[in-house]
């Protein structure tokens, strides 16, 4: 039985690659912010590493890298792509939960008086909620649903059907 990448698999692979790339860029931006924070603290004589923030930055970077690798694996129909996609989905959920601790604007959502938020603050709030909650959570659930389908399980089964075409006649191909 030959493996075939469906249009849905291609779509999931491309979205994984795009979201993985965005996650990497976001993680690098957060690394820069963490470095600036440590520099500012050192100017005041405080030589501490913001552990929670650094852990969140590494989580975001790892999520982006794993998403990118999983997307490439899906495009190539590699058996490990299914596992990496589940890991990516889990990391997306964990990063969403972590964002409520590590990203101050989201962490203070419950304390907002919606009438006191100006247009700029509301726009910032909506962007942060989209990046850290509204996109990752539904996408991780979609990943899990798709990779639990029997057809997807079969395509990404280890030791399953060959990804390579059968040999040409005359090269050991017996026609069966």
C-alpha atoms as a PDB file:
ATOM      1  CA  UNK A   1       0.000   0.000   0.000  1.00  0.00           C
ATOM      2  CA  UNK A   2       1.452   3.315  -1.085  1.00  0.00           C
ATOM      3  CA  UNK A   3       1.273   6.376   1.153  1.00  0.00           C
ATOM      4  CA  UNK A   4      -0.327   9.448  -0.341  1.00  0.00           C
ATOM      5  CA  UNK A   5      -0.332  12.935   1.077  1.00  0.00           C
ATOM      6  CA  UNK A   6      -3.831  14.356   0.885  1.00  0.00           C
ATOM      7  CA  UNK A   7      -4.703  18.016   0.474  1.00  0.00           C
ATOM      8  CA  UNK A   8      -5.551  18.168   4.183  1.00  0.00           C
ATOM      9  CA  UNK A   9      -2.130  16.829   5.098  1.00  0.00           C
ATOM     10  CA  UNK A  10      -0.464  19.372   2.860  1.00  0.00           C
ATOM     11  CA  UNK A  11      -2.546  22.148   4.429  1.00  0.00           C
ATOM     12  CA  UNK A  12      -1.691  21.041   7.981  1.00  0.00           C
ATOM     13  CA  UNK A  13       1.996  20.778   7.002  1.00  0.00           C
ATOM     14  CA  UNK A  14       2.055  24.282   5.525  1.00  0.00           C
ATOM     15  CA  UNK A  15       0.187  25.760   8.508  1.00  0.00           C
ATOM     16  CA  UNK A  16       2.620  23.971  10.867  1.00  0.00           C
ATOM     17  CA  UNK A  17       5.554  25.452   8.953  1.00  0.00           C
ATOM     18  CA  UNK A  18       4.047  28.953   8.948  1.00  0.00           C
ATOM     19  CA  UNK A  19       3.038  28.880  12.624  1.00  0.00           C
ATOM     20  CA  UNK A  20       6.386  27.308  13.513  1.00  0.00           C
ATOM     21  CA  UNK A  21       8.200  30.121  11.714  1.00  0.00           C
ATOM     22  CA  UNK A  22       6.047  32.728  13.432  1.00  0.00           C
ATOM     23  CA  UNK A  23       6.705  30.987  16.755  1.00  0.00           C
ATOM     24  CA  UNK A  24      10.455  31.130  16.153  1.00  0.00           C
ATOM     25  CA  UNK A  25      10.319  34.833  15.258  1.00  0.00           C
ATOM     26  CA  UNK A  26       8.108  35.490  18.298  1.00  0.00           C
ATOM     27  CA  UNK A  27      10.525  33.531  20.493  1.00  0.00           C
ATOM     28  CA  UNK A  28      13.503  35.488  19.185  1.00  0.00           C
ATOM     29  CA  UNK A  29      11.640  38.740  19.839  1.00  0.00           C
ATOM     30  CA  UNK A  30      10.918  37.543  23.384  1.00  0.00           C
ATOM     31  CA  UNK A  31      14.610  36.612  23.824  1.00  0.00           C
ATOM     32  CA  UNK A  32      15.486  40.178  22.883  1.00  0.00           C
ATOM     33  CA  UNK A  33      12.973  41.491  25.417  1.00  0.00           C
ATOM     34  CA  UNK A  34      14.395  39.196  28.088  1.00  0.00           C
ATOM     35  CA  UNK A  35      17.937  40.384  27.343  1.00  0.00           C
ATOM     36  CA  UNK A  36      16.843  44.028  27.517  1.00  0.00           C
ATOM     37  CA  UNK A  37      15.144  43.346  30.851  1.00  0.00           C
ATOM     38  CA  UNK A  38      18.316  41.733  32.236  1.00  0.00           C
ATOM     39  CA  UNK A  39      20.365  44.686  30.965  1.00  0.00           C
ATOM     40  CA  UNK A  40      18.022  47.175  32.612  1.00  0.00           C
ATOM     41  CA  UNK A  41      18.114  45.219  35.873  1.00  0.00           C
ATOM     42  CA  UNK A  42      21.917  45.157  35.777  1.00  0.00           C
ATOM     43  CA  UNK A  43      21.957  48.947  35.406  1.00  0.00           C
ATOM     44  CA  UNK A  44      20.261  49.127  38.802  1.00  0.00           C
ATOM     45  CA  UNK A  45      22.701  46.634  40.325  1.00  0.00           C
ATOM     46  CA  UNK A  46      20.266  43.724  40.234  1.00  0.00           C
ATOM     47  CA  UNK A  47      21.995  40.724  38.733  1.00  0.00           C
ATOM     48  CA  UNK A  48      19.143  38.265  38.367  1.00  0.00           C
ATOM     49  CA  UNK A  49      17.880  36.197  35.501  1.00  0.00           C
ATOM     50  CA  UNK A  50      14.088  36.409  35.176  1.00  0.00           C
ATOM     51  CA  UNK A  51      13.537  32.647  35.432  1.00  0.00           C
ATOM     52  CA  UNK A  52       9.817  32.503  34.629  1.00  0.00           C
ATOM     53  CA  UNK A  53      10.160  34.819  31.672  1.00  0.00           C
ATOM     54  CA  UNK A  54      13.229  32.959  30.370  1.00  0.00           C
ATOM     55  CA  UNK A  55      11.448  29.614  30.692  1.00  0.00           C
ATOM     56  CA  UNK A  56       8.471  31.019  28.764  1.00  0.00           C
ATOM     57  CA  UNK A  57      10.806  32.314  26.040  1.00  0.00           C
ATOM     58  CA  UNK A  58      12.425  28.890  25.700  1.00  0.00           C
ATOM     59  CA  UNK A  59       8.976  27.268  25.603  1.00  0.00           C
ATOM     60  CA  UNK A  60       7.873  29.559  22.763  1.00  0.00           C
ATOM     61  CA  UNK A  61      11.110  28.904  20.843  1.00  0.00           C
ATOM     62  CA  UNK A  62      10.812  25.134  21.344  1.00  0.00           C
ATOM     63  CA  UNK A  63       7.176  25.201  20.219  1.00  0.00           C
ATOM     64  CA  UNK A  64       8.115  27.073  17.040  1.00  0.00           C
ATOM     65  CA  UNK A  65      11.037  24.792  16.239  1.00  0.00           C
ATOM     66  CA  UNK A  66       9.027  21.604  16.850  1.00  0.00           C
ATOM     67  CA  UNK A  67       6.125  22.971  14.775  1.00  0.00           C
ATOM     68  CA  UNK A  68       8.478  23.746  11.887  1.00  0.00           C
ATOM     69  CA  UNK A  69      10.112  20.306  12.049  1.00  0.00           C
ATOM     70  CA  UNK A  70       6.721  18.573  12.321  1.00  0.00           C
ATOM     71  CA  UNK A  71       5.454  20.485   9.272  1.00  0.00           C
ATOM     72  CA  UNK A  72       8.441  19.408   7.213  1.00  0.00           C
ATOM     73  CA  UNK A  73       7.950  15.825   8.416  1.00  0.00           C
ATOM     74  CA  UNK A  74       4.287  15.904   7.402  1.00  0.00           C
ATOM     75  CA  UNK A  75       5.214  17.124   3.929  1.00  0.00           C
ATOM     76  CA  UNK A  76       7.630  14.208   3.601  1.00  0.00           C
ATOM     77  CA  UNK A  77       5.206  11.710   5.220  1.00  0.00           C
ATOM     78  CA  UNK A  78       7.710  10.712   7.901  1.00  0.00           C
ATOM     79  CA  UNK A  79       6.415   8.429  10.646  1.00  0.00           C
ATOM     80  CA  UNK A  80       7.772  10.696  13.408  1.00  0.00           C
ATOM     81  CA  UNK A  81       5.766  13.687  12.133  1.00  0.00           C
ATOM     82  CA  UNK A  82       2.630  12.402  13.872  1.00  0.00           C
ATOM     83  CA  UNK A  83       4.396  12.218  17.251  1.00  0.00           C
ATOM     84  CA  UNK A  84       6.019  15.611  16.781  1.00  0.00           C
ATOM     85  CA  UNK A  85       2.645  17.101  15.852  1.00  0.00           C
ATOM     86  CA  UNK A  86       1.153  15.788  19.097  1.00  0.00           C
ATOM     87  CA  UNK A  87       4.108  17.275  20.983  1.00  0.00           C
ATOM     88  CA  UNK A  88       3.566  20.557  19.121  1.00  0.00           C
ATOM     89  CA  UNK A  89      -0.128  20.539  20.077  1.00  0.00           C
ATOM     90  CA  UNK A  90       0.766  19.922  23.719  1.00  0.00           C
ATOM     91  CA  UNK A  91       3.368  22.688  23.721  1.00  0.00           C
ATOM     92  CA  UNK A  92       0.851  25.081  22.163  1.00  0.00           C
ATOM     93  CA  UNK A  93      -1.553  24.396  25.037  1.00  0.00           C
ATOM     94  CA  UNK A  94       1.224  24.724  27.652  1.00  0.00           C
ATOM     95  CA  UNK A  95       2.393  27.997  26.071  1.00  0.00           C
ATOM     96  CA  UNK A  96      -1.170  29.291  26.200  1.00  0.00           C
ATOM     97  CA  UNK A  97      -1.384  28.505  29.913  1.00  0.00           C
ATOM     98  CA  UNK A  98       2.115  29.908  30.465  1.00  0.00           C
ATOM     99  CA  UNK A  99       1.198  33.132  28.715  1.00  0.00           C
ATOM    100  CA  UNK A 100      -1.186  34.000  31.535  1.00  0.00           C
ATOM    101  CA  UNK A 101       1.793  33.968  33.901  1.00  0.00           C
ATOM    102  CA  UNK A 102       4.561  35.289  31.665  1.00  0.00           C
ATOM    103  CA  UNK A 103       2.816  37.850  29.494  1.00  0.00           C
ATOM    104  CA  UNK A 104       1.657  40.652  31.770  1.00  0.00           C
ATOM    105  CA  UNK A 105      -1.065  42.027  29.527  1.00  0.00           C
ATOM    106  CA  UNK A 106      -2.801  38.661  29.381  1.00  0.00           C
ATOM    107  CA  UNK A 107      -2.131  37.950  33.046  1.00  0.00           C
ATOM    108  CA  UNK A 108      -4.094  41.085  33.972  1.00  0.00           C
ATOM    109  CA  UNK A 109      -7.122  40.432  31.736  1.00  0.00           C
ATOM    110  CA  UNK A 110      -9.398  39.777  34.705  1.00  0.00           C
ATOM    111  CA  UNK A 111      -8.514  43.099  36.308  1.00  0.00           C
ATOM    112  CA  UNK A 112      -9.443  45.295  33.361  1.00  0.00           C
ATOM    113  CA  UNK A 113     -12.337  47.672  33.532  1.00  0.00           C
ATOM    114  CA  UNK A 114     -13.355  47.382  29.886  1.00  0.00           C
ATOM    115  CA  UNK A 115     -14.680  50.927  29.890  1.00  0.00           C
ATOM    116  CA  UNK A 116     -11.269  52.323  30.823  1.00  0.00           C
ATOM    117  CA  UNK A 117      -9.318  50.681  27.986  1.00  0.00           C
ATOM    118  CA  UNK A 118      -8.442  53.066  25.186  1.00  0.00           C
ATOM    119  CA  UNK A 119      -8.397  51.983  21.543  1.00  0.00           C
ATOM    120  CA  UNK A 120      -4.636  51.342  21.497  1.00  0.00           C
ATOM    121  CA  UNK A 121      -4.781  49.224  24.639  1.00  0.00           C
ATOM    122  CA  UNK A 122      -7.721  47.241  23.316  1.00  0.00           C
ATOM    123  CA  UNK A 123      -5.905  46.601  20.042  1.00  0.00           C
ATOM    124  CA  UNK A 124      -2.819  45.392  21.925  1.00  0.00           C
ATOM    125  CA  UNK A 125      -4.969  43.187  24.118  1.00  0.00           C
ATOM    126  CA  UNK A 126      -6.716  41.611  21.110  1.00  0.00           C
ATOM    127  CA  UNK A 127      -3.410  40.952  19.345  1.00  0.00           C
ATOM    128  CA  UNK A 128      -1.927  39.277  22.418  1.00  0.00           C
ATOM    129  CA  UNK A 129      -5.058  37.182  22.967  1.00  0.00           C
ATOM    130  CA  UNK A 130      -5.016  36.103  19.302  1.00  0.00           C
ATOM    131  CA  UNK A 131      -1.308  35.182  19.370  1.00  0.00           C
ATOM    132  CA  UNK A 132      -1.298  33.340  22.682  1.00  0.00           C
ATOM    133  CA  UNK A 133      -4.842  31.961  23.036  1.00  0.00           C
ATOM    134  CA  UNK A 134      -7.253  32.216  20.079  1.00  0.00           C
ATOM    135  CA  UNK A 135      -4.952  30.673  17.454  1.00  0.00           C
ATOM    136  CA  UNK A 136      -2.912  28.058  19.391  1.00  0.00           C
ATOM    137  CA  UNK A 137      -5.733  26.362  21.305  1.00  0.00           C
ATOM    138  CA  UNK A 138      -8.088  25.610  18.385  1.00  0.00           C
ATOM    139  CA  UNK A 139      -5.145  24.692  16.146  1.00  0.00           C
ATOM    140  CA  UNK A 140      -3.761  22.221  18.687  1.00  0.00           C
ATOM    141  CA  UNK A 141      -7.194  20.605  18.987  1.00  0.00           C
ATOM    142  CA  UNK A 142      -7.393  20.419  15.179  1.00  0.00           C
ATOM    143  CA  UNK A 143      -3.963  18.742  15.059  1.00  0.00           C
ATOM    144  CA  UNK A 144      -5.060  16.125  17.567  1.00  0.00           C
ATOM    145  CA  UNK A 145      -8.339  15.460  15.748  1.00  0.00           C
ATOM    146  CA  UNK A 146      -6.641  15.067  12.378  1.00  0.00           C
ATOM    147  CA  UNK A 147      -3.834  12.805  13.574  1.00  0.00           C
ATOM    148  CA  UNK A 148      -6.283  10.542  15.414  1.00  0.00           C
ATOM    149  CA  UNK A 149      -8.141   9.784  12.171  1.00  0.00           C
ATOM    150  CA  UNK A 150      -7.504   6.209  10.968  1.00  0.00           C
ATOM    151  CA  UNK A 151      -6.342   7.305   7.498  1.00  0.00           C
ATOM    152  CA  UNK A 152      -3.775   9.675   8.997  1.00  0.00           C
ATOM    153  CA  UNK A 153      -2.628   7.019  11.466  1.00  0.00           C
ATOM    154  CA  UNK A 154      -2.034   4.629   8.587  1.00  0.00           C
ATOM    155  CA  UNK A 155      -0.117   7.177   6.532  1.00  0.00           C
ATOM    156  CA  UNK A 156       2.180   8.014   9.432  1.00  0.00           C
ATOM    157  CA  UNK A 157       2.582   4.512  10.869  1.00  0.00           C
ATOM    158  CA  UNK A 158       6.156   3.445  11.541  1.00  0.00           C
ATOM    159  CA  UNK A 159       7.192   0.642   9.240  1.00  0.00           C
ATOM    160  CA  UNK A 160       4.012   1.100   7.246  1.00  0.00           C
ATOM    161  CA  UNK A 161       3.756   1.473   3.524  1.00  0.00           C
ATOM    162  CA  UNK A 162       6.838   2.545   1.675  1.00  0.00           C
ATOM    163  CA  UNK A 163       7.291   6.188   0.849  1.00  0.00           C
ATOM    164  CA  UNK A 164       9.299   5.255  -2.200  1.00  0.00           C
ATOM    165  CA  UNK A 165       7.710   4.043  -5.431  1.00  0.00           C
ATOM    166  CA  UNK A 166       8.092   0.360  -6.251  1.00  0.00           C
ATOM    167  CA  UNK A 167      11.143  -0.584  -8.328  1.00  0.00           C
ATOM    168  CA  UNK A 168      10.890  -0.461 -12.091  1.00  0.00           C
ATOM    169  CA  UNK A 169      10.130  -3.681 -14.013  1.00  0.00           C
ATOM    170  CA  UNK A 170      13.337  -5.620 -14.610  1.00  0.00           C
ATOM    171  CA  UNK A 171      14.821  -4.430 -11.312  1.00  0.00           C
ATOM    172  CA  UNK A 172      13.348  -7.190  -9.174  1.00  0.00           C
ATOM    173  CA  UNK A 173       9.717  -6.076  -9.567  1.00  0.00           C
ATOM    174  CA  UNK A 174       7.524  -9.142 -10.003  1.00  0.00           C
ATOM    175  CA  UNK A 175       4.233  -7.361 -10.734  1.00  0.00           C
ATOM    176  CA  UNK A 176       2.427  -8.280  -7.499  1.00  0.00           C
END
